[in-house]
Amino acid sequence: MKNLKYIASLIVAAVVFSCATENDLIDLDALSAPTNISALTTVTQDNTGKVTFLPRGEGVTQYEILFGDGTTTAAIVSPGGTVDHIYKEGVYDATITGKTVNGKSTSVIQKVTVSFKAPENLVVTIDNDLATSKQVNVKATADFALFYDVYFGEAGKPNPISANNGESVSYTYQEAGVYTIRVVSKSAAIKTTELSKVFTVTTVSKPFTSAATPPNRQASDVISIYGSKYTNVAGTNCFPDWGQAGQGSSWAEFDLNGDKMLNYINLSYQGIALADNTSIDVSGMEFIHMDVWTAKLQKIETSLISKTGERPVVKDLVANQWTSIDIPISAFTSQTGFTVKDIIQLKLVGTPWAGGSVFVDNIYFYKTATSTIGMPLDFESSTLTYPWTCFGSASFGAIPVSIVTNPDKTGNNVSDKVVKIEKSAGAQVWAGASLDLDAKMDFTKGTSIKVNVWSPKVGAIILFKTEVSTSTKDGNGNPTVFVEVQATTTVANSWQVLTFDLTSATSFKTTNAYDRVILFPDFNVAGSGSTYYFDDIKQSN
């Protein structure tokens, strides 16, 4: 079948750190089938059996409903629309189908109970949500009922929220406090059944700022379990539970403006398990690090668990702020008979037991770096890896940016290794590459940057940029604290040193923690397949 494609959008971005080619088209054939198909079914309380269907789902452009009572023609309903149907008393299997624009569909069977008896044996559960402040979850079930209405009792919000019998409904209050919640269970009968309960709505204490961003590290110097800074061990299960749900303990992944972190709720003990039959050797590491936020817990016990046992270390916590914890590996190995060569699990225990929740981020083992990526950069190290990242949809072949043998050992550059960036045909005018430093720049060494550049042409603008990688991100995900300075090549096919005076940029401040180097070859010109080389990036006065 011929692929149908529509123009979706054209996004103009200053810098996007990705080597993948941007695709401004949506392939309709690639759209998945609808998900989460259901319907809210309500019935009038007049013994007529008039049921209203409000179908729901994700990725749906049209619904079809077969009522399950012998009616052969399906009702067609648009998203957000409803349809009515008259039933005789009984229990029916309605089929609700959601369809996408490309014709894919998902169907579910939903029972519809139509009874002219009033609901009986009404059971209502009301709970504060464990992860969301001031959110209350209600669930009501009753014999003969089709649905129920919940009046949450908040001033200025008189209208109820409806849910199918036996399903849950949630509501978030503006303020914590005491409210009267009324549940009215309904069937097709004129008479309804209801229950009211005075309920205390509570808040969930949670952080409003992220933990400090971990420093840049060489991959060989860190083993990451959870966090966004480093590559995590694959297959890690952050909620094996170990039977603690019965203690009232639970787990969620909390998202703070795009920064995800673990949330262990009412922490008795919870833990993290590596993938089945997997263990890690952390004997070469010096510390385990984690960042912990809590409003109530006084202490947290961290245990490393090997195939032969476990050993705990307890640390104090400071309420309502992030506590940065670094535990020496020796604190575990000094406990008799314990090895860290085959760690399979980590366990966290709260004090007091099940007495509060914690938010945990940046769990990793690390060691002091034997060598680091920092200024000056000459790319001659045999032990360091230089993780350059390309952007601008430039085609660099299998290796986006490469450290290569100097192709022109003449003039002012006879070093062995240099950085090669190919601005391939069709690359964006802002295509280039970036490198994270393991430490911020020290401007006592100079506020100008010198770069040895090999350009295939005269007049190529080379843009040098440095960023504070941990600064607030803009709408494209790029740091908002940065400096950009340009210089122009004056020779072709030969090495020359270009100078970038950072003080010429009004945004430059020596107090900023600049820790990223970015190079834009032939800036403001679309790629034409030309190759540029860079070397000896260093500071000067």
Protein backbone atom coordinates (compact mmCIF):
# COMPACT_ATOMS: atom_id res chain seq x y z
CA MET A 1 0.00 0.00 0.00
CA LYS A 2 1.27 3.43 -0.83
CA ASN A 3 2.36 5.37 2.23
CA LEU A 4 0.26 8.46 2.93
CA LYS A 5 2.26 11.31 4.41
CA TYR A 6 1.19 14.70 5.69
CA ILE A 7 3.29 17.69 6.60
CA ALA A 8 3.28 17.84 10.39
CA SER A 9 5.43 20.80 11.29
CA LEU A 10 8.62 22.65 10.56
CA ILE A 11 10.58 23.40 13.69
CA VAL A 12 13.35 25.96 13.55
CA ALA A 13 15.85 25.37 16.38
CA ALA A 14 19.07 27.10 17.28
CA VAL A 15 20.88 23.90 18.18
CA VAL A 16 19.55 20.33 18.49
CA PHE A 17 22.04 17.79 19.83
CA SER A 18 21.13 14.88 17.59
CA CYS A 19 22.65 13.26 14.55
CA ALA A 20 19.37 11.79 13.36
CA THR A 21 17.89 13.31 10.21
CA GLU A 22 14.85 15.41 11.07
CA ASN A 23 11.64 14.23 9.40
CA ASP A 24 8.94 16.83 9.01
CA LEU A 25 6.40 14.25 7.78
CA ILE A 26 4.12 11.90 9.69
CA ASP A 27 3.83 8.40 8.19
CA LEU A 28 0.17 7.51 8.72
CA ASP A 29 0.91 3.83 8.18
CA ALA A 30 3.22 3.97 11.19
CA LEU A 31 0.48 5.21 13.56
CA SER A 32 -0.40 2.62 16.18
CA ALA A 33 -3.86 1.34 16.99
CA PRO A 34 -5.93 3.21 19.61
CA THR A 35 -5.39 2.46 23.30
CA ASN A 36 -7.33 2.71 26.59
CA ILE A 37 -10.72 2.21 24.96
CA SER A 38 -13.75 2.32 27.28
CA ALA A 39 -17.00 4.20 27.79
CA LEU A 40 -18.70 5.96 30.65
CA THR A 41 -22.21 4.51 30.74
CA THR A 42 -24.96 6.41 32.56
CA VAL A 43 -28.67 5.71 32.74
CA THR A 44 -31.69 7.88 33.47
CA GLN A 45 -33.51 7.21 36.76
CA ASP A 46 -36.99 6.88 35.27
CA ASN A 47 -37.40 3.14 34.57
CA THR A 48 -37.06 3.75 30.82
CA GLY A 49 -33.70 1.99 30.42
CA LYS A 50 -32.20 4.92 28.53
CA VAL A 51 -28.40 4.50 28.64
CA THR A 52 -25.95 7.15 27.47
CA PHE A 53 -22.51 6.11 26.18
CA LEU A 54 -19.56 8.51 26.36
CA PRO A 55 -16.72 6.59 24.63
CA ARG A 56 -13.12 7.32 25.63
CA GLY A 57 -9.70 6.40 24.31
CA GLU A 58 -6.35 7.60 23.00
CA GLY A 59 -5.43 8.02 19.34
CA VAL A 60 -9.07 7.76 18.24
CA THR A 61 -10.70 9.61 15.35
CA GLN A 62 -14.01 7.72 15.41
CA TYR A 63 -15.89 5.29 17.68
CA GLU A 64 -18.31 2.51 16.77
CA ILE A 65 -20.62 1.02 19.42
CA LEU A 66 -22.56 -2.24 19.14
CA PHE A 67 -25.03 -2.30 22.01
CA GLY A 68 -25.09 -6.08 22.55
CA ASP A 69 -28.88 -6.42 22.64
CA GLY A 70 -29.37 -7.73 19.13
CA THR A 71 -29.19 -4.34 17.45
CA THR A 72 -27.15 -4.99 14.29
CA THR A 73 -26.29 -1.44 13.26
CA ALA A 74 -23.35 0.14 15.06
CA ALA A 75 -23.66 3.68 16.36
CA ILE A 76 -20.98 6.07 15.08
CA VAL A 77 -19.68 8.56 17.63
CA SER A 78 -17.08 11.31 17.26
CA PRO A 79 -14.50 11.89 20.01
CA GLY A 80 -16.17 13.81 22.84
CA GLY A 81 -19.64 12.87 21.63
CA THR A 82 -22.32 10.66 23.17
CA VAL A 83 -25.05 8.31 21.99
CA ASP A 84 -28.23 7.10 23.72
CA HIS A 85 -29.78 3.61 23.55
CA ILE A 86 -32.91 2.14 25.13
CA TYR A 87 -32.40 -1.23 26.83
CA LYS A 88 -34.78 -3.71 28.40
CA GLU A 89 -33.82 -4.89 31.87
CA GLY A 90 -30.80 -7.19 31.73
CA VAL A 91 -27.02 -7.44 31.45
CA TYR A 92 -25.46 -6.78 28.05
CA ASP A 93 -22.02 -6.98 26.46
CA ALA A 94 -21.51 -3.78 24.48
CA THR A 95 -18.62 -3.64 22.00
CA ILE A 96 -16.78 -0.33 21.83
CA THR A 97 -14.35 0.13 18.93
CA GLY A 98 -11.94 3.00 18.50
CA LYS A 99 -10.50 3.70 15.06
CA THR A 100 -7.58 5.79 13.85
CA VAL A 101 -7.28 7.89 10.70
CA ASN A 102 -5.37 5.06 9.01
CA GLY A 103 -8.10 2.50 9.73
CA LYS A 104 -6.48 0.64 12.62
CA SER A 105 -8.86 -0.24 15.41
CA THR A 106 -9.08 -1.55 18.96
CA SER A 107 -12.23 -3.10 20.45
CA VAL A 108 -13.26 -3.85 24.03
CA ILE A 109 -16.26 -5.56 25.55
CA GLN A 110 -17.95 -3.62 28.34
CA LYS A 111 -20.79 -4.95 30.49
CA VAL A 112 -23.91 -2.79 30.72
CA THR A 113 -26.20 -3.61 33.63
CA VAL A 114 -29.74 -2.27 33.26
CA SER A 115 -31.85 -2.88 36.35
CA PHE A 116 -35.07 -1.33 37.54
CA LYS A 117 -34.13 -2.13 41.12
CA ALA A 118 -32.41 0.51 43.24
CA PRO A 119 -28.72 -0.19 43.95
CA GLU A 120 -28.07 -2.36 47.00
CA ASN A 121 -25.06 -3.17 49.17
CA LEU A 122 -23.22 0.03 48.34
CA VAL A 123 -19.51 -0.14 49.29
CA VAL A 124 -17.37 2.99 49.01
CA THR A 125 -13.61 3.37 49.51
CA ILE A 126 -12.02 6.82 49.77
CA ASP A 127 -8.24 7.27 49.96
CA ASN A 128 -5.70 10.03 49.72
CA ASP A 129 -3.42 9.43 46.76
CA LEU A 130 0.03 8.37 47.91
CA ALA A 131 1.93 10.25 45.22
CA THR A 132 -0.15 13.35 44.38
CA SER A 133 -0.89 16.07 46.91
CA LYS A 134 -4.55 16.79 47.71
CA GLN A 135 -5.75 14.10 45.30
CA VAL A 136 -8.51 11.79 46.53
CA ASN A 137 -9.37 8.47 44.88
CA VAL A 138 -12.91 7.09 45.21
CA LYS A 139 -14.26 3.68 44.22
CA ALA A 140 -17.89 2.60 44.62
CA THR A 141 -19.58 -0.72 43.93
CA ALA A 142 -23.21 -1.76 44.39
CA ASP A 143 -25.50 -4.52 43.22
CA PHE A 144 -27.79 -3.57 40.30
CA ALA A 145 -25.91 -0.27 39.75
CA LEU A 146 -24.60 0.94 36.40
CA PHE A 147 -22.72 4.05 37.56
CA TYR A 148 -22.28 6.48 40.43
CA ASP A 149 -21.85 10.23 40.96
CA VAL A 150 -19.36 11.71 43.43
CA TYR A 151 -19.90 15.12 45.01
CA PHE A 152 -16.52 16.08 46.45
CA GLY A 153 -17.83 18.90 48.64
CA GLU A 154 -15.46 21.66 47.59
CA ALA A 155 -16.94 25.17 47.62
CA GLY A 156 -17.77 26.45 44.16
CA LYS A 157 -17.63 22.94 42.62
CA PRO A 158 -21.22 21.70 42.91
CA ASN A 159 -21.21 19.35 39.92
CA PRO A 160 -20.49 15.66 40.46
CA ILE A 161 -17.97 13.46 38.65
CA SER A 162 -19.40 10.22 37.27
CA ALA A 163 -17.77 6.80 37.02
CA ASN A 164 -18.84 3.32 36.03
CA ASN A 165 -19.86 1.03 38.86
CA GLY A 166 -16.70 -0.58 40.26
CA GLU A 167 -14.30 1.82 38.59
CA SER A 168 -12.27 4.52 40.34
CA VAL A 169 -12.52 8.28 40.00
CA SER A 170 -9.96 10.86 41.18
CA TYR A 171 -10.27 14.49 42.19
CA THR A 172 -7.65 17.07 43.21
CA TYR A 173 -8.66 19.71 45.75
CA GLN A 174 -7.37 23.27 45.76
CA GLU A 175 -6.57 23.05 49.46
CA ALA A 176 -6.03 20.29 51.98
CA GLY A 177 -8.68 20.06 54.71
CA VAL A 178 -11.84 18.31 55.84
CA TYR A 179 -14.60 17.75 53.27
CA THR A 180 -17.90 15.86 53.09
CA ILE A 181 -17.79 13.49 50.12
CA ARG A 182 -21.15 12.15 48.92
CA VAL A 183 -21.49 9.13 46.61
CA VAL A 184 -24.80 8.49 44.82
CA SER A 185 -25.10 5.06 43.19
CA LYS A 186 -27.57 4.80 40.34
CA SER A 187 -29.40 2.15 38.34
CA ALA A 188 -32.26 2.55 35.88
CA ALA A 189 -34.66 2.74 38.83
CA ILE A 190 -36.13 5.98 40.07
CA LYS A 191 -34.69 5.39 43.53
CA THR A 192 -30.97 5.86 44.12
CA THR A 193 -28.67 4.79 46.96
CA GLU A 194 -26.13 7.08 48.55
CA LEU A 195 -23.46 7.36 51.23
CA SER A 196 -21.69 10.39 52.71
CA LYS A 197 -18.36 10.47 54.54
CA VAL A 198 -16.40 13.24 56.24
CA PHE A 199 -12.86 12.89 54.90
CA THR A 200 -9.54 14.64 55.62
CA VAL A 201 -7.64 15.55 52.45
CA THR A 202 -3.87 15.64 52.93
CA THR A 203 -0.83 16.92 51.08
CA VAL A 204 2.12 14.92 49.84
CA SER A 205 5.37 16.67 50.60
CA LYS A 206 7.64 16.70 47.57
CA PRO A 207 10.68 18.57 46.27
CA PHE A 208 10.23 21.64 44.11
CA THR A 209 13.84 21.72 42.88
CA SER A 210 16.03 19.01 41.37
CA ALA A 211 19.05 17.49 43.05
CA ALA A 212 22.41 18.88 41.99
CA THR A 213 23.53 17.60 38.59
CA PRO A 214 26.39 15.10 38.92
CA PRO A 215 29.74 16.10 37.43
CA ASN A 216 30.95 14.91 34.05
CA ARG A 217 32.88 11.65 34.39
CA GLN A 218 34.64 9.18 32.15
CA ALA A 219 32.53 6.06 31.55
CA SER A 220 35.22 3.91 33.18
CA ASP A 221 34.95 5.91 36.41
CA VAL A 222 31.24 5.38 37.11
CA ILE A 223 28.64 2.58 37.33
CA SER A 224 25.19 4.16 37.30
CA ILE A 225 22.06 2.49 38.69
CA TYR A 226 19.49 5.29 38.32
CA GLY A 227 19.66 8.85 36.98
CA SER A 228 19.84 10.82 33.76
CA LYS A 229 23.46 11.95 33.82
CA TYR A 230 25.20 8.65 33.08
CA THR A 231 24.32 5.44 31.23
CA ASN A 232 22.45 3.18 33.67
CA VAL A 233 22.95 -0.56 34.12
CA ALA A 234 20.43 -2.20 31.79
CA GLY A 235 17.38 -4.07 33.07
CA THR A 236 17.33 -2.56 36.56
CA ASN A 237 14.06 -3.02 38.50
CA CYS A 238 13.52 -0.05 40.81
CA PHE A 239 10.47 -1.57 42.50
CA PRO A 240 10.78 -5.29 43.22
CA ASP A 241 8.60 -4.49 46.32
CA TRP A 242 9.67 -7.58 48.30
CA GLY A 243 6.25 -7.79 49.93
CA GLN A 244 6.26 -4.27 51.36
CA ALA A 245 2.99 -3.14 49.79
CA GLY A 246 1.33 -4.78 52.80
CA GLN A 247 3.23 -2.35 55.02
CA GLY A 248 1.61 0.55 53.22
CA SER A 249 4.76 1.20 51.24
CA SER A 250 4.58 1.95 47.56
CA TRP A 251 6.56 3.38 44.65
CA ALA A 252 6.19 5.90 41.86
CA GLU A 253 8.46 7.67 39.41
CA PHE A 254 8.04 11.36 40.15
CA ASP A 255 8.45 13.80 37.27
CA LEU A 256 9.60 17.27 38.31
CA ASN A 257 9.37 19.39 35.17
CA GLY A 258 10.96 16.66 33.08
CA ASP A 259 13.44 15.52 35.74
CA LYS A 260 12.44 12.01 36.80
CA MET A 261 13.30 10.58 40.19
CA LEU A 262 12.32 7.61 42.35
CA ASN A 263 9.63 8.14 44.99
CA TYR A 264 9.44 5.47 47.70
CA ILE A 265 6.18 6.16 49.51
CA ASN A 266 5.86 5.44 53.25
CA LEU A 267 9.26 3.78 53.14
CA SER A 268 9.48 0.64 55.25
CA TYR A 269 12.07 -0.96 53.07
CA GLN A 270 12.22 -0.98 49.32
CA GLY A 271 14.96 -1.75 46.92
CA ILE A 272 16.50 -1.97 43.51
CA ALA A 273 17.28 -5.25 41.78
CA LEU A 274 19.50 -5.81 38.78
CA ALA A 275 18.25 -7.87 35.86
CA ASP A 276 17.89 -11.62 36.47
CA ASN A 277 21.22 -13.46 36.69
CA THR A 278 23.06 -10.13 36.57
CA SER A 279 25.55 -8.81 39.10
CA ILE A 280 28.01 -5.93 39.07
CA ASP A 281 31.53 -5.76 40.42
CA VAL A 282 32.01 -2.45 42.24
CA SER A 283 35.29 -3.37 43.92
CA GLY A 284 37.07 -0.91 41.61
CA MET A 285 34.82 1.95 42.74
CA GLU A 286 35.43 4.12 45.82
CA PHE A 287 31.95 5.45 46.70
CA ILE A 288 28.24 4.95 46.20
CA HIS A 289 26.36 8.22 45.72
CA MET A 290 22.69 9.11 45.96
CA ASP A 291 20.61 12.25 46.47
CA VAL A 292 17.68 11.96 48.89
CA TRP A 293 14.80 14.36 49.69
CA THR A 294 12.30 13.81 52.49
CA ALA A 295 9.93 15.81 54.66
CA LYS A 296 9.62 13.31 57.52
CA LEU A 297 12.27 10.59 57.61
CA GLN A 298 15.20 11.09 59.97
CA LYS A 299 17.56 8.47 58.57
CA ILE A 300 18.00 6.18 55.60
CA GLU A 301 19.76 2.83 55.71
CA THR A 302 21.46 1.73 52.51
CA SER A 303 22.41 -1.92 52.09
CA LEU A 304 24.50 -3.47 49.34
CA ILE A 305 23.35 -7.03 48.71
CA SER A 306 25.64 -9.61 47.13
CA LYS A 307 24.99 -13.26 46.34
CA THR A 308 26.28 -14.16 49.79
CA GLY A 309 24.68 -11.54 52.03
CA GLU A 310 24.06 -7.87 52.71
CA ARG A 311 25.65 -5.06 54.73
CA PRO A 312 23.96 -1.78 55.82
CA VAL A 313 25.20 1.77 56.34
CA VAL A 314 22.94 4.41 57.97
CA LYS A 315 23.00 8.12 57.08
CA ASP A 316 21.12 11.10 58.57
CA LEU A 317 18.68 13.07 56.42
CA VAL A 318 17.81 16.78 56.54
CA ALA A 319 14.09 17.51 56.18
CA ASN A 320 12.74 19.44 53.20
CA GLN A 321 15.99 19.64 51.28
CA TRP A 322 18.20 17.40 49.20
CA THR A 323 20.75 15.40 51.17
CA SER A 324 23.75 14.41 49.07
CA ILE A 325 25.07 11.05 50.31
CA ASP A 326 28.49 9.57 49.48
CA ILE A 327 29.25 6.30 51.24
CA PRO A 328 32.76 4.83 50.91
CA ILE A 329 32.71 1.29 49.54
CA SER A 330 35.06 0.49 52.40
CA ALA A 331 32.17 1.11 54.81
CA PHE A 332 30.63 -2.08 53.41
CA THR A 333 33.75 -4.19 52.82
CA SER A 334 35.06 -3.44 56.33
CA GLN A 335 32.10 -5.40 57.69
CA THR A 336 33.26 -8.98 58.17
CA GLY A 337 32.87 -11.49 55.38
CA PHE A 338 31.45 -9.19 52.70
CA THR A 339 32.52 -8.73 49.09
CA VAL A 340 31.30 -6.18 46.56
CA LYS A 341 32.40 -8.17 43.51
CA ASP A 342 28.90 -9.51 42.81
CA ILE A 343 26.31 -6.92 43.89
CA ILE A 344 22.80 -7.94 42.80
CA GLN A 345 20.55 -5.58 44.81
CA LEU A 346 20.39 -2.37 46.82
CA LYS A 347 18.01 -1.96 49.76
CA LEU A 348 16.75 1.27 51.34
CA VAL A 349 15.17 1.35 54.81
CA GLY A 350 13.44 4.37 56.34
CA THR A 351 13.61 5.61 59.94
CA PRO A 352 11.01 5.75 61.36
CA TRP A 353 9.69 2.58 59.74
CA ALA A 354 7.01 3.36 57.12
CA GLY A 355 6.91 6.84 58.63
CA GLY A 356 7.43 8.97 55.54
CA SER A 357 8.33 9.12 51.88
CA VAL A 358 11.63 9.75 50.13
CA PHE A 359 12.60 10.97 46.68
CA VAL A 360 15.85 9.47 45.40
CA ASP A 361 17.94 10.44 42.38
CA ASN A 362 21.44 9.97 40.97
CA ILE A 363 22.28 6.52 42.35
CA TYR A 364 25.73 5.54 41.12
CA PHE A 365 29.10 4.10 42.13
CA TYR A 366 32.18 6.11 41.25
CA LYS A 367 35.91 6.47 41.72
CA THR A 368 38.30 9.38 41.59
CA ALA A 369 39.32 9.98 38.00
CA THR A 370 42.89 9.08 37.13
CA SER A 371 42.71 11.45 34.17
CA THR A 372 40.06 13.91 33.08
CA ILE A 373 38.86 15.81 30.04
CA GLY A 374 39.65 19.45 30.62
CA MET A 375 41.39 22.46 29.20
CA PRO A 376 43.76 22.35 27.40
CA LEU A 377 42.52 19.70 24.94
CA ASP A 378 45.06 18.02 22.68
CA PHE A 379 43.41 14.59 22.10
CA GLU A 380 46.67 12.70 22.53
CA SER A 381 45.64 10.64 25.58
CA SER A 382 45.61 6.86 25.15
CA THR A 383 43.40 6.37 28.24
CA LEU A 384 40.69 9.01 27.79
CA THR A 385 37.72 8.74 25.50
CA TYR A 386 36.42 11.97 24.01
CA PRO A 387 32.61 11.64 23.68
CA TRP A 388 31.92 14.27 21.05
CA THR A 389 28.25 14.69 20.12
CA CYS A 390 27.19 15.97 16.73
CA PHE A 391 24.08 17.99 15.89
CA GLY A 392 22.41 19.64 12.94
CA SER A 393 21.57 16.45 11.00
CA ALA A 394 25.04 16.37 9.51
CA SER A 395 26.08 13.01 8.09
CA PHE A 396 29.30 11.77 9.63
CA GLY A 397 29.03 8.14 8.54
CA ALA A 398 29.27 5.47 11.23
CA ILE A 399 31.23 7.69 13.63
CA PRO A 400 29.69 11.20 13.92
CA VAL A 401 32.82 12.94 15.17
CA SER A 402 36.13 11.14 15.19
CA ILE A 403 39.57 11.45 16.69
CA VAL A 404 41.87 10.72 13.74
CA THR A 405 45.51 10.77 12.79
CA ASN A 406 46.59 14.27 11.82
CA PRO A 407 46.27 14.31 8.00
CA ASP A 408 48.63 17.28 7.60
CA LYS A 409 51.58 17.24 10.01
CA THR A 410 53.03 20.50 8.80
CA GLY A 411 53.35 24.11 9.90
CA ASN A 412 52.22 24.83 13.44
CA ASN A 413 50.63 21.42 14.06
CA VAL A 414 52.68 18.25 13.95
CA SER A 415 50.73 16.44 16.70
CA ASP A 416 49.49 12.91 16.14
CA LYS A 417 45.77 13.16 16.90
CA VAL A 418 43.12 15.72 15.89
CA VAL A 419 39.32 16.06 15.78
CA LYS A 420 37.64 15.54 12.42
CA ILE A 421 34.22 17.07 11.69
CA GLU A 422 32.64 16.59 8.28
CA LYS A 423 29.98 19.13 7.39
CA SER A 424 28.22 16.80 4.99
CA ALA A 425 26.01 17.86 2.11
CA GLY A 426 22.65 19.05 3.37
CA ALA A 427 23.78 19.65 6.92
CA GLN A 428 22.16 22.54 8.75
CA VAL A 429 23.93 25.91 8.71
CA TRP A 430 24.42 25.45 12.49
CA ALA A 431 25.73 21.89 12.33
CA GLY A 432 28.67 21.07 14.57
CA ALA A 433 29.83 19.06 17.57
CA SER A 434 30.11 19.41 21.34
CA LEU A 435 32.27 17.90 24.07
CA ASP A 436 31.54 17.86 27.80
CA LEU A 437 34.47 18.67 30.08
CA ASP A 438 34.97 16.78 33.32
CA ALA A 439 35.58 20.06 35.14
CA LYS A 440 34.58 23.68 34.58
CA MET A 441 36.99 26.09 32.95
CA ASP A 442 39.43 27.93 35.21
CA PHE A 443 39.63 31.50 33.91
CA THR A 444 42.77 32.31 35.87
CA LYS A 445 44.36 30.51 32.92
CA GLY A 446 42.96 33.06 30.47
CA THR A 447 39.71 34.35 29.04
CA SER A 448 40.53 33.79 25.38
CA ILE A 449 40.32 30.43 23.61
CA LYS A 450 42.83 29.46 20.96
CA VAL A 451 41.98 26.66 18.53
CA ASN A 452 44.18 25.18 15.84
CA VAL A 453 41.94 24.87 12.77
CA TRP A 454 42.41 23.20 9.39
CA SER A 455 39.86 24.54 6.90
CA PRO A 456 39.40 23.62 3.24
CA LYS A 457 38.62 27.22 2.35
CA VAL A 458 39.39 30.84 3.16
CA GLY A 459 36.59 32.82 4.78
CA ALA A 460 34.95 30.02 6.73
CA ILE A 461 33.38 31.29 9.93
CA ILE A 462 34.25 29.12 12.92
CA LEU A 463 31.90 29.65 15.85
CA PHE A 464 33.20 28.68 19.28
CA LYS A 465 30.58 28.22 21.98
CA THR A 466 30.83 27.24 25.63
CA GLU A 467 27.89 26.44 27.89
CA VAL A 468 27.01 25.75 31.49
CA SER A 469 25.50 22.32 30.91
CA THR A 470 23.52 22.40 34.17
CA SER A 471 21.83 25.76 33.53
CA THR A 472 18.10 26.06 32.86
CA LYS A 473 17.11 24.67 29.46
CA ASP A 474 15.29 26.61 26.76
CA GLY A 475 12.39 25.31 24.67
CA ASN A 476 14.78 23.25 22.53
CA GLY A 477 16.48 21.65 25.50
CA ASN A 478 19.65 23.73 25.24
CA PRO A 479 21.33 25.44 28.23
CA THR A 480 20.48 29.12 28.60
CA VAL A 481 23.87 30.15 30.03
CA PHE A 482 26.42 30.24 27.22
CA VAL A 483 28.94 32.33 25.29
CA GLU A 484 29.41 32.46 21.51
CA VAL A 485 32.38 34.01 19.68
CA GLN A 486 33.27 33.87 15.98
CA ALA A 487 36.52 33.89 14.04
CA THR A 488 37.22 33.57 10.31
CA THR A 489 39.79 31.41 8.53
CA THR A 490 42.31 33.26 6.39
CA VAL A 491 44.14 30.29 4.86
CA ALA A 492 42.97 27.12 3.14
CA ASN A 493 44.24 23.54 3.43
CA SER A 494 46.65 24.48 6.18
CA TRP A 495 46.67 24.74 9.98
CA GLN A 496 46.14 28.12 11.58
CA VAL A 497 45.42 29.23 15.15
CA LEU A 498 42.19 31.18 15.62
CA THR A 499 41.57 33.23 18.77
CA PHE A 500 38.16 33.60 20.41
CA ASP A 501 38.03 36.39 23.00
CA LEU A 502 35.25 35.37 25.41
CA THR A 503 35.22 38.82 27.00
CA SER A 504 33.92 40.24 23.70
CA ALA A 505 30.57 38.60 24.49
CA THR A 506 28.43 40.62 26.89
CA SER A 507 27.01 37.42 28.41
CA PHE A 508 30.42 36.14 29.51
CA LYS A 509 31.11 35.89 33.26
CA THR A 510 34.17 34.30 34.79
CA THR A 511 32.00 33.13 37.68
CA ASN A 512 29.89 30.90 35.41
CA ALA A 513 30.76 27.19 35.48
CA TYR A 514 31.32 26.68 31.73
CA ASP A 515 31.88 22.97 31.16
CA ARG A 516 31.08 22.31 27.51
CA VAL A 517 33.05 23.08 24.33
CA ILE A 518 31.16 23.41 21.04
CA LEU A 519 32.54 23.90 17.54
CA PHE A 520 30.55 25.07 14.50
CA PRO A 521 32.55 24.68 11.25
CA ASP A 522 31.62 27.03 8.37
CA PHE A 523 28.88 28.58 10.49
CA ASN A 524 25.80 29.99 8.72
CA VAL A 525 26.59 28.01 5.55
CA ALA A 526 24.74 24.82 4.61
CA GLY A 527 26.83 21.66 4.48
CA SER A 528 28.56 20.84 1.20
CA GLY A 529 30.59 17.74 2.12
CA SER A 530 33.65 19.60 3.39
CA THR A 531 35.91 18.30 6.17
CA TYR A 532 37.35 20.40 9.01
CA TYR A 533 39.98 19.47 11.59
CA PHE A 534 40.50 20.94 15.06
CA ASP A 535 43.26 20.57 17.65
CA ASP A 536 44.97 22.19 20.66
CA ILE A 537 41.98 23.93 22.23
CA LYS A 538 43.41 25.97 25.08
CA GLN A 539 43.01 29.14 27.12
CA SER A 540 45.22 32.20 26.87
CA ASN A 541 45.33 35.79 28.08
